[in-house]
Amino acid sequence: MRKIAVVNMKGGVGKTTTAIHLAAGLAARGQRILLIDTDPQGNIGHTFHLRPAKTVQELMLGDAPPDEVIQQGVRERLDVISSNTESFSLERRLAAETQRETILARRLRRVDGYDTVIVDSSPAMNLLTYNALLYVHEAIIPVAMDLMAIIGARQTLNGINEVRELWPARPLELIAVLPTFANSITIATRAAFEALEKDTQMGAFVFRPGIRQCIDLNYAAAQRQTIWEYAPRSHGAEDYSRFVDFVSSRESATSHDFKEKA
């Protein structure tokens, strides 16, 4: 089972949009997908208009097993574990828990039947983000075309490197740095691409041309739809389709690599 986190310590970079469209895109290609929201803002639930009785908080606290928090059939072949603002208290409530950074991995140990799990993370290197990174094998970093988002991406990569150093037995690979809100005619976008591609750690992973600015992505979220449901011929639909194809094409190689490391 492939496991991918979408992560950036800077908010407002299209992280949740990317997680949702990666999950929905892979599901449309025939995979069975579990999408997990570990961000207490709960934007995945808002986007899909979900009102679950139990969320990732109950899962992390051990108050509910996975089958009680997984919402099945949110879309065809796409199930969801939601989050909400109550999850902000998890840092305090789990303070005394042994090996608290691996709680999510332990709670989901017996979950199977999915081809890929996508985890949307919190915009901070907090307990939930560490749990997400220690559960997955791969990471995607969305980056908006501005300086603060690039700084956030670098800080996120530092966090990924810290996880690799502290838990060397757990494979964690960066598979893409995904530019978002890209507009090639602006100086800001061109400067951001140049900065990303010159970065010694991120440059080799930049996915060109990224996700172009597309107002239909905002309208789709407002209508609680994916971009393919709302505007299938838009730039957003085209760009996310291309990115899903890229991630899907890496599956066999990365899956083999992780089996060799296990």
C-alpha atoms as a PDB file:
ATOM      1  CA  MET A   1       0.000   0.000   0.000  1.00  0.00           C
ATOM      2  CA  ARG A   2       1.501   3.271  -1.134  1.00  0.00           C
ATOM      3  CA  LYS A   3       1.449   6.168   1.360  1.00  0.00           C
ATOM      4  CA  ILE A   4       1.967   9.808   0.385  1.00  0.00           C
ATOM      5  CA  ALA A   5       1.892  12.996   2.491  1.00  0.00           C
ATOM      6  CA  VAL A   6       1.178  16.434   1.036  1.00  0.00           C
ATOM      7  CA  VAL A   7       3.065  18.821   3.291  1.00  0.00           C
ATOM      8  CA  ASN A   8       4.292  22.404   3.616  1.00  0.00           C
ATOM      9  CA  MET A   9       4.797  24.398   6.812  1.00  0.00           C
ATOM     10  CA  LYS A  10       3.432  27.471   5.001  1.00  0.00           C
ATOM     11  CA  GLY A  11      -0.332  27.678   4.692  1.00  0.00           C
ATOM     12  CA  GLY A  12      -2.211  28.889   1.637  1.00  0.00           C
ATOM     13  CA  VAL A  13      -0.079  27.007  -0.889  1.00  0.00           C
ATOM     14  CA  GLY A  14      -2.740  24.688  -2.320  1.00  0.00           C
ATOM     15  CA  LYS A  15      -1.887  21.789  -0.038  1.00  0.00           C
ATOM     16  CA  THR A  16      -5.433  20.573   0.582  1.00  0.00           C
ATOM     17  CA  THR A  17      -6.416  21.190  -3.049  1.00  0.00           C
ATOM     18  CA  THR A  18      -3.468  19.065  -4.126  1.00  0.00           C
ATOM     19  CA  ALA A  19      -4.266  16.263  -1.644  1.00  0.00           C
ATOM     20  CA  ILE A  20      -7.903  16.153  -2.753  1.00  0.00           C
ATOM     21  CA  HIS A  21      -7.101  16.131  -6.469  1.00  0.00           C
ATOM     22  CA  LEU A  22      -4.306  13.608  -6.145  1.00  0.00           C
ATOM     23  CA  ALA A  23      -6.690  11.308  -4.254  1.00  0.00           C
ATOM     24  CA  ALA A  24      -9.616  11.869  -6.617  1.00  0.00           C
ATOM     25  CA  GLY A  25      -7.395  11.587  -9.692  1.00  0.00           C
ATOM     26  CA  LEU A  26      -5.898   8.270  -8.611  1.00  0.00           C
ATOM     27  CA  ALA A  27      -9.377   6.976  -7.727  1.00  0.00           C
ATOM     28  CA  ALA A  28     -10.607   7.935 -11.205  1.00  0.00           C
ATOM     29  CA  ARG A  29      -7.752   5.856 -12.629  1.00  0.00           C
ATOM     30  CA  GLY A  30      -9.107   2.772 -10.888  1.00  0.00           C
ATOM     31  CA  GLN A  31      -7.223   2.818  -7.591  1.00  0.00           C
ATOM     32  CA  ARG A  32      -8.903   2.470  -4.210  1.00  0.00           C
ATOM     33  CA  ILE A  33      -7.868   5.501  -2.175  1.00  0.00           C
ATOM     34  CA  LEU A  34      -7.982   6.545   1.479  1.00  0.00           C
ATOM     35  CA  LEU A  35      -7.627  10.307   2.026  1.00  0.00           C
ATOM     36  CA  ILE A  36      -6.703  11.350   5.576  1.00  0.00           C
ATOM     37  CA  ASP A  37      -6.966  14.886   6.940  1.00  0.00           C
ATOM     38  CA  THR A  38      -4.474  15.541   9.758  1.00  0.00           C
ATOM     39  CA  ASP A  39      -4.983  19.302   9.645  1.00  0.00           C
ATOM     40  CA  PRO A  40      -7.231  20.526  12.508  1.00  0.00           C
ATOM     41  CA  GLN A  41      -8.701  23.139  10.168  1.00  0.00           C
ATOM     42  CA  GLY A  42     -10.601  20.242   8.587  1.00  0.00           C
ATOM     43  CA  ASN A  43     -10.651  21.637   5.062  1.00  0.00           C
ATOM     44  CA  ILE A  44     -11.120  18.251   3.392  1.00  0.00           C
ATOM     45  CA  GLY A  45     -14.343  17.759   5.325  1.00  0.00           C
ATOM     46  CA  HIS A  46     -15.465  21.272   4.397  1.00  0.00           C
ATOM     47  CA  THR A  47     -14.715  20.678   0.722  1.00  0.00           C
ATOM     48  CA  PHE A  48     -16.667  17.421   0.580  1.00  0.00           C
ATOM     49  CA  HIS A  49     -19.353  18.687   2.997  1.00  0.00           C
ATOM     50  CA  LEU A  50     -18.713  15.872   5.471  1.00  0.00           C
ATOM     51  CA  ARG A  51     -20.031  15.913   9.015  1.00  0.00           C
ATOM     52  CA  PRO A  52     -18.571  12.793  10.613  1.00  0.00           C
ATOM     53  CA  ALA A  53     -19.406  11.714  14.146  1.00  0.00           C
ATOM     54  CA  LYS A  54     -15.817  10.552  14.619  1.00  0.00           C
ATOM     55  CA  THR A  55     -12.627  11.976  13.162  1.00  0.00           C
ATOM     56  CA  VAL A  56      -8.853  11.587  13.228  1.00  0.00           C
ATOM     57  CA  GLN A  57      -8.981  12.818  16.834  1.00  0.00           C
ATOM     58  CA  GLU A  58     -10.899   9.739  18.039  1.00  0.00           C
ATOM     59  CA  LEU A  59      -8.560   7.560  15.997  1.00  0.00           C
ATOM     60  CA  MET A  60      -5.416   9.095  17.510  1.00  0.00           C
ATOM     61  CA  LEU A  61      -6.799   8.914  21.047  1.00  0.00           C
ATOM     62  CA  GLY A  62      -7.764   5.262  20.609  1.00  0.00           C
ATOM     63  CA  ASP A  63     -11.437   6.069  21.195  1.00  0.00           C
ATOM     64  CA  ALA A  64     -12.501   4.590  17.839  1.00  0.00           C
ATOM     65  CA  PRO A  65     -11.017   2.002  15.463  1.00  0.00           C
ATOM     66  CA  PRO A  66     -10.303   2.886  11.834  1.00  0.00           C
ATOM     67  CA  ASP A  67     -13.517   1.358  10.487  1.00  0.00           C
ATOM     68  CA  GLU A  68     -15.536   3.782  12.640  1.00  0.00           C
ATOM     69  CA  VAL A  69     -13.732   6.907  11.434  1.00  0.00           C
ATOM     70  CA  ILE A  70     -13.363   6.025   7.742  1.00  0.00           C
ATOM     71  CA  GLN A  71     -16.180   7.561   5.693  1.00  0.00           C
ATOM     72  CA  GLN A  72     -16.722   5.281   2.765  1.00  0.00           C
ATOM     73  CA  GLY A  73     -17.852   6.228  -0.719  1.00  0.00           C
ATOM     74  CA  VAL A  74     -17.180   9.961  -0.554  1.00  0.00           C
ATOM     75  CA  ARG A  75     -16.445   9.497  -4.220  1.00  0.00           C
ATOM     76  CA  GLU A  76     -16.238   6.260  -6.191  1.00  0.00           C
ATOM     77  CA  ARG A  77     -13.267   4.279  -4.796  1.00  0.00           C
ATOM     78  CA  LEU A  78     -12.430   7.221  -2.473  1.00  0.00           C
ATOM     79  CA  ASP A  79     -12.828   7.019   1.319  1.00  0.00           C
ATOM     80  CA  VAL A  80     -11.976   9.772   3.820  1.00  0.00           C
ATOM     81  CA  ILE A  81     -10.878  10.211   7.431  1.00  0.00           C
ATOM     82  CA  SER A  82     -11.826  13.769   8.372  1.00  0.00           C
ATOM     83  CA  SER A  83     -10.488  16.197  10.926  1.00  0.00           C
ATOM     84  CA  ASN A  84     -11.906  19.184  12.790  1.00  0.00           C
ATOM     85  CA  THR A  85     -10.836  21.953  15.152  1.00  0.00           C
ATOM     86  CA  GLU A  86     -11.050  19.653  18.184  1.00  0.00           C
ATOM     87  CA  SER A  87      -7.845  18.054  16.906  1.00  0.00           C
ATOM     88  CA  PHE A  88      -5.944  21.184  17.981  1.00  0.00           C
ATOM     89  CA  SER A  89      -6.010  19.692  21.495  1.00  0.00           C
ATOM     90  CA  LEU A  90      -4.222  16.477  20.493  1.00  0.00           C
ATOM     91  CA  GLU A  91      -0.762  17.914  21.169  1.00  0.00           C
ATOM     92  CA  ARG A  92      -1.725  18.476  24.825  1.00  0.00           C
ATOM     93  CA  ARG A  93      -3.847  15.353  25.272  1.00  0.00           C
ATOM     94  CA  LEU A  94      -1.151  13.036  23.911  1.00  0.00           C
ATOM     95  CA  ALA A  95       1.744  14.709  25.722  1.00  0.00           C
ATOM     96  CA  ALA A  96       2.353  11.701  27.995  1.00  0.00           C
ATOM     97  CA  GLU A  97       1.831   9.056  25.306  1.00  0.00           C
ATOM     98  CA  THR A  98       4.760   6.727  24.617  1.00  0.00           C
ATOM     99  CA  GLN A  99       6.189   7.095  21.099  1.00  0.00           C
ATOM    100  CA  ARG A 100       3.504   9.616  20.328  1.00  0.00           C
ATOM    101  CA  GLU A 101       5.021  10.495  16.932  1.00  0.00           C
ATOM    102  CA  THR A 102       4.057   7.055  15.594  1.00  0.00           C
ATOM    103  CA  ILE A 103       0.506   6.839  16.931  1.00  0.00           C
ATOM    104  CA  LEU A 104      -1.110   7.256  13.513  1.00  0.00           C
ATOM    105  CA  ALA A 105       1.039   4.509  11.990  1.00  0.00           C
ATOM    106  CA  ARG A 106       0.140   2.165  14.835  1.00  0.00           C
ATOM    107  CA  ARG A 107      -3.588   2.961  14.725  1.00  0.00           C
ATOM    108  CA  LEU A 108      -3.676   2.303  10.954  1.00  0.00           C
ATOM    109  CA  ARG A 109      -1.444  -0.766  11.024  1.00  0.00           C
ATOM    110  CA  ARG A 110      -4.279  -3.160  10.168  1.00  0.00           C
ATOM    111  CA  VAL A 111      -5.925  -0.970   7.537  1.00  0.00           C
ATOM    112  CA  ASP A 112      -5.604  -2.602   4.136  1.00  0.00           C
ATOM    113  CA  GLY A 113      -7.503  -2.941   0.886  1.00  0.00           C
ATOM    114  CA  TYR A 114      -6.319   0.428  -0.432  1.00  0.00           C
ATOM    115  CA  ASP A 115      -3.880   1.006  -3.268  1.00  0.00           C
ATOM    116  CA  THR A 116      -2.785   4.409  -1.996  1.00  0.00           C
ATOM    117  CA  VAL A 117      -3.255   6.501   1.152  1.00  0.00           C
ATOM    118  CA  ILE A 118      -2.970  10.289   0.776  1.00  0.00           C
ATOM    119  CA  VAL A 119      -2.396  12.361   3.935  1.00  0.00           C
ATOM    120  CA  ASP A 120      -3.083  16.102   4.033  1.00  0.00           C
ATOM    121  CA  SER A 121      -0.931  17.606   6.780  1.00  0.00           C
ATOM    122  CA  SER A 122      -1.088  20.624   9.046  1.00  0.00           C
ATOM    123  CA  PRO A 123       0.818  23.799   8.013  1.00  0.00           C
ATOM    124  CA  ALA A 124       3.205  23.396  10.959  1.00  0.00           C
ATOM    125  CA  MET A 125       5.792  20.862  12.047  1.00  0.00           C
ATOM    126  CA  ASN A 126       3.634  19.734  14.972  1.00  0.00           C
ATOM    127  CA  LEU A 127       2.670  16.369  16.435  1.00  0.00           C
ATOM    128  CA  LEU A 128       0.124  15.600  13.715  1.00  0.00           C
ATOM    129  CA  THR A 129       2.626  16.432  10.969  1.00  0.00           C
ATOM    130  CA  TYR A 130       5.274  14.198  12.521  1.00  0.00           C
ATOM    131  CA  ASN A 131       2.674  11.432  12.724  1.00  0.00           C
ATOM    132  CA  ALA A 132       1.846  11.939   9.051  1.00  0.00           C
ATOM    133  CA  LEU A 133       5.502  11.820   7.991  1.00  0.00           C
ATOM    134  CA  LEU A 134       6.200   8.734  10.074  1.00  0.00           C
ATOM    135  CA  TYR A 135       3.225   6.957   8.544  1.00  0.00           C
ATOM    136  CA  VAL A 136       3.954   7.645   4.874  1.00  0.00           C
ATOM    137  CA  HIS A 137       6.779   6.614   2.546  1.00  0.00           C
ATOM    138  CA  GLU A 138       6.653   9.580   0.181  1.00  0.00           C
ATOM    139  CA  ALA A 139       6.144  13.344   0.400  1.00  0.00           C
ATOM    140  CA  ILE A 140       4.947  16.039  -1.987  1.00  0.00           C
ATOM    141  CA  ILE A 141       5.618  19.712  -1.205  1.00  0.00           C
ATOM    142  CA  PRO A 142       3.257  22.208  -2.897  1.00  0.00           C
ATOM    143  CA  VAL A 143       4.832  25.671  -3.188  1.00  0.00           C
ATOM    144  CA  ALA A 144       3.008  28.876  -4.115  1.00  0.00           C
ATOM    145  CA  MET A 145       4.921  31.361  -6.223  1.00  0.00           C
ATOM    146  CA  ASP A 146       6.117  33.644  -3.430  1.00  0.00           C
ATOM    147  CA  LEU A 147       9.152  33.944  -1.166  1.00  0.00           C
ATOM    148  CA  MET A 148       7.396  32.913   2.058  1.00  0.00           C
ATOM    149  CA  ALA A 149       6.099  29.703   0.494  1.00  0.00           C
ATOM    150  CA  ILE A 150       9.605  28.836  -0.715  1.00  0.00           C
ATOM    151  CA  ILE A 151      10.981  29.463   2.782  1.00  0.00           C
ATOM    152  CA  GLY A 152       8.211  27.241   4.149  1.00  0.00           C
ATOM    153  CA  ALA A 153       9.142  24.523   1.662  1.00  0.00           C
ATOM    154  CA  ARG A 154      12.779  24.674   2.781  1.00  0.00           C
ATOM    155  CA  GLN A 155      11.720  24.451   6.430  1.00  0.00           C
ATOM    156  CA  THR A 156       9.482  21.514   5.549  1.00  0.00           C
ATOM    157  CA  LEU A 157      12.354  19.741   3.840  1.00  0.00           C
ATOM    158  CA  ASN A 158      14.455  20.323   6.960  1.00  0.00           C
ATOM    159  CA  GLY A 159      11.690  18.598   8.915  1.00  0.00           C
ATOM    160  CA  ILE A 160      11.694  15.693   6.471  1.00  0.00           C
ATOM    161  CA  ASN A 161      15.458  15.384   6.848  1.00  0.00           C
ATOM    162  CA  GLU A 162      15.061  15.398  10.637  1.00  0.00           C
ATOM    163  CA  VAL A 163      12.576  12.528  10.418  1.00  0.00           C
ATOM    164  CA  ARG A 164      15.007  10.610   8.213  1.00  0.00           C
ATOM    165  CA  GLU A 165      17.831  11.124  10.732  1.00  0.00           C
ATOM    166  CA  LEU A 166      15.813  10.290  13.853  1.00  0.00           C
ATOM    167  CA  TRP A 167      13.951   7.318  12.348  1.00  0.00           C
ATOM    168  CA  PRO A 168      16.372   5.905   9.733  1.00  0.00           C
ATOM    169  CA  ALA A 169      14.468   2.598   9.539  1.00  0.00           C
ATOM    170  CA  ARG A 170      11.404   4.374   8.121  1.00  0.00           C
ATOM    171  CA  PRO A 171      11.802   5.251   4.414  1.00  0.00           C
ATOM    172  CA  LEU A 172      10.677   8.756   3.504  1.00  0.00           C
ATOM    173  CA  GLU A 173      11.323  10.093   0.005  1.00  0.00           C
ATOM    174  CA  LEU A 174      10.536  13.446  -1.580  1.00  0.00           C
ATOM    175  CA  ILE A 175       8.889  12.740  -4.931  1.00  0.00           C
ATOM    176  CA  ALA A 176       7.869  16.237  -6.057  1.00  0.00           C
ATOM    177  CA  VAL A 177       8.008  19.930  -5.313  1.00  0.00           C
ATOM    178  CA  LEU A 178       4.797  21.170  -6.931  1.00  0.00           C
ATOM    179  CA  PRO A 179       4.563  24.857  -7.922  1.00  0.00           C
ATOM    180  CA  THR A 180       1.027  26.182  -7.453  1.00  0.00           C
ATOM    181  CA  PHE A 181      -0.738  29.415  -8.471  1.00  0.00           C
ATOM    182  CA  ALA A 182       1.804  29.686 -11.294  1.00  0.00           C
ATOM    183  CA  ASN A 183       1.482  32.448 -13.872  1.00  0.00           C
ATOM    184  CA  SER A 184       4.402  32.381 -16.286  1.00  0.00           C
ATOM    185  CA  ILE A 185       3.903  35.964 -17.451  1.00  0.00           C
ATOM    186  CA  THR A 186       4.583  37.420 -14.000  1.00  0.00           C
ATOM    187  CA  ILE A 187       7.996  38.294 -12.627  1.00  0.00           C
ATOM    188  CA  ALA A 188       7.076  36.667  -9.298  1.00  0.00           C
ATOM    189  CA  THR A 189       6.427  33.257 -10.871  1.00  0.00           C
ATOM    190  CA  ARG A 190       9.575  33.363 -12.974  1.00  0.00           C
ATOM    191  CA  ALA A 191      11.653  34.374  -9.946  1.00  0.00           C
ATOM    192  CA  ALA A 192      10.078  31.635  -7.826  1.00  0.00           C
ATOM    193  CA  PHE A 193      10.802  28.966 -10.433  1.00  0.00           C
ATOM    194  CA  GLU A 194      14.386  30.174 -10.679  1.00  0.00           C
ATOM    195  CA  ALA A 195      14.807  30.063  -6.888  1.00  0.00           C
ATOM    196  CA  LEU A 196      13.314  26.574  -6.657  1.00  0.00           C
ATOM    197  CA  GLU A 197      15.390  25.140  -9.481  1.00  0.00           C
ATOM    198  CA  LYS A 198      18.601  26.608  -8.071  1.00  0.00           C
ATOM    199  CA  ASP A 199      17.903  25.132  -4.638  1.00  0.00           C
ATOM    200  CA  THR A 200      20.397  22.328  -4.003  1.00  0.00           C
ATOM    201  CA  GLN A 201      17.853  20.102  -2.239  1.00  0.00           C
ATOM    202  CA  MET A 202      14.632  20.875  -4.099  1.00  0.00           C
ATOM    203  CA  GLY A 203      15.754  21.745  -7.612  1.00  0.00           C
ATOM    204  CA  ALA A 204      15.794  18.193  -8.948  1.00  0.00           C
ATOM    205  CA  PHE A 205      12.221  17.580  -7.744  1.00  0.00           C
ATOM    206  CA  VAL A 206      10.446  20.634  -9.203  1.00  0.00           C
ATOM    207  CA  PHE A 207       7.472  19.560 -11.318  1.00  0.00           C
ATOM    208  CA  ARG A 208       7.166  21.827 -14.358  1.00  0.00           C
ATOM    209  CA  PRO A 209       5.007  23.626 -15.301  1.00  0.00           C
ATOM    210  CA  GLY A 210       3.214  23.083 -11.980  1.00  0.00           C
ATOM    211  CA  ILE A 211      -0.392  24.105 -11.389  1.00  0.00           C
ATOM    212  CA  ARG A 212      -1.369  27.303 -13.162  1.00  0.00           C
ATOM    213  CA  GLN A 213      -3.541  29.977 -11.593  1.00  0.00           C
ATOM    214  CA  CYS A 214      -7.127  28.890 -12.161  1.00  0.00           C
ATOM    215  CA  ILE A 215     -10.144  30.575 -10.582  1.00  0.00           C
ATOM    216  CA  ASP A 216     -12.188  27.466 -11.360  1.00  0.00           C
ATOM    217  CA  LEU A 217     -10.314  25.652  -8.574  1.00  0.00           C
ATOM    218  CA  ASN A 218     -11.835  28.135  -6.112  1.00  0.00           C
ATOM    219  CA  TYR A 219     -15.287  27.820  -7.658  1.00  0.00           C
ATOM    220  CA  ALA A 220     -15.050  24.014  -7.594  1.00  0.00           C
ATOM    221  CA  ALA A 221     -14.227  24.047  -3.867  1.00  0.00           C
ATOM    222  CA  ALA A 222     -17.143  26.410  -3.225  1.00  0.00           C
ATOM    223  CA  GLN A 223     -19.422  23.941  -5.018  1.00  0.00           C
ATOM    224  CA  ARG A 224     -17.881  21.037  -3.044  1.00  0.00           C
ATOM    225  CA  GLN A 225     -16.586  19.456  -6.224  1.00  0.00           C
ATOM    226  CA  THR A 226     -13.283  18.457  -7.728  1.00  0.00           C
ATOM    227  CA  ILE A 227     -12.035  20.455 -10.697  1.00  0.00           C
ATOM    228  CA  TRP A 228     -12.885  17.550 -13.021  1.00  0.00           C
ATOM    229  CA  GLU A 229     -16.484  17.607 -11.811  1.00  0.00           C
ATOM    230  CA  TYR A 230     -16.811  21.395 -12.024  1.00  0.00           C
ATOM    231  CA  ALA A 231     -14.662  22.434 -14.991  1.00  0.00           C
ATOM    232  CA  PRO A 232     -13.119  19.415 -16.717  1.00  0.00           C
ATOM    233  CA  ARG A 233     -11.623  21.507 -19.553  1.00  0.00           C
ATOM    234  CA  SER A 234      -9.981  24.130 -17.341  1.00  0.00           C
ATOM    235  CA  HIS A 235      -6.269  24.749 -16.821  1.00  0.00           C
ATOM    236  CA  GLY A 236      -6.640  23.357 -13.307  1.00  0.00           C
ATOM    237  CA  ALA A 237      -8.113  20.091 -14.575  1.00  0.00           C
ATOM    238  CA  GLU A 238      -5.397  19.774 -17.213  1.00  0.00           C
ATOM    239  CA  ASP A 239      -2.558  20.508 -14.788  1.00  0.00           C
ATOM    240  CA  TYR A 240      -3.773  18.246 -11.999  1.00  0.00           C
ATOM    241  CA  SER A 241      -4.373  15.438 -14.518  1.00  0.00           C
ATOM    242  CA  ARG A 242      -0.779  15.790 -15.656  1.00  0.00           C
ATOM    243  CA  PHE A 243       0.469  15.722 -12.071  1.00  0.00           C
ATOM    244  CA  VAL A 244      -1.630  12.676 -11.144  1.00  0.00           C
ATOM    245  CA  ASP A 245      -0.196  10.888 -14.178  1.00  0.00           C
ATOM    246  CA  PHE A 246       3.304  11.763 -12.987  1.00  0.00           C
ATOM    247  CA  VAL A 247       2.702  10.450  -9.463  1.00  0.00           C
ATOM    248  CA  SER A 248       1.026   7.320 -10.813  1.00  0.00           C
ATOM    249  CA  SER A 249       3.952   6.636 -13.169  1.00  0.00           C
ATOM    250  CA  ARG A 250       6.349   6.531 -10.218  1.00  0.00           C
ATOM    251  CA  GLU A 251       4.343   3.912  -8.358  1.00  0.00           C
ATOM    252  CA  SER A 252       6.037   0.723  -9.487  1.00  0.00           C
ATOM    253  CA  ALA A 253       9.558   2.062  -8.969  1.00  0.00           C
ATOM    254  CA  THR A 254       8.928   3.537  -5.541  1.00  0.00           C
ATOM    255  CA  SER A 255       6.927   0.542  -4.319  1.00  0.00           C
ATOM    256  CA  HIS A 256       9.783  -1.783  -5.308  1.00  0.00           C
ATOM    257  CA  ASP A 257      12.293   0.518  -3.595  1.00  0.00           C
ATOM    258  CA  PHE A 258      10.368   0.477  -0.311  1.00  0.00           C
ATOM    259  CA  LYS A 259       9.992  -3.297  -0.388  1.00  0.00           C
ATOM    260  CA  GLU A 260      13.751  -3.593  -0.790  1.00  0.00           C
ATOM    261  CA  LYS A 261      14.330  -1.276   2.193  1.00  0.00           C
ATOM    262  CA  ALA A 262      11.775  -3.005   4.431  1.00  0.00           C
END
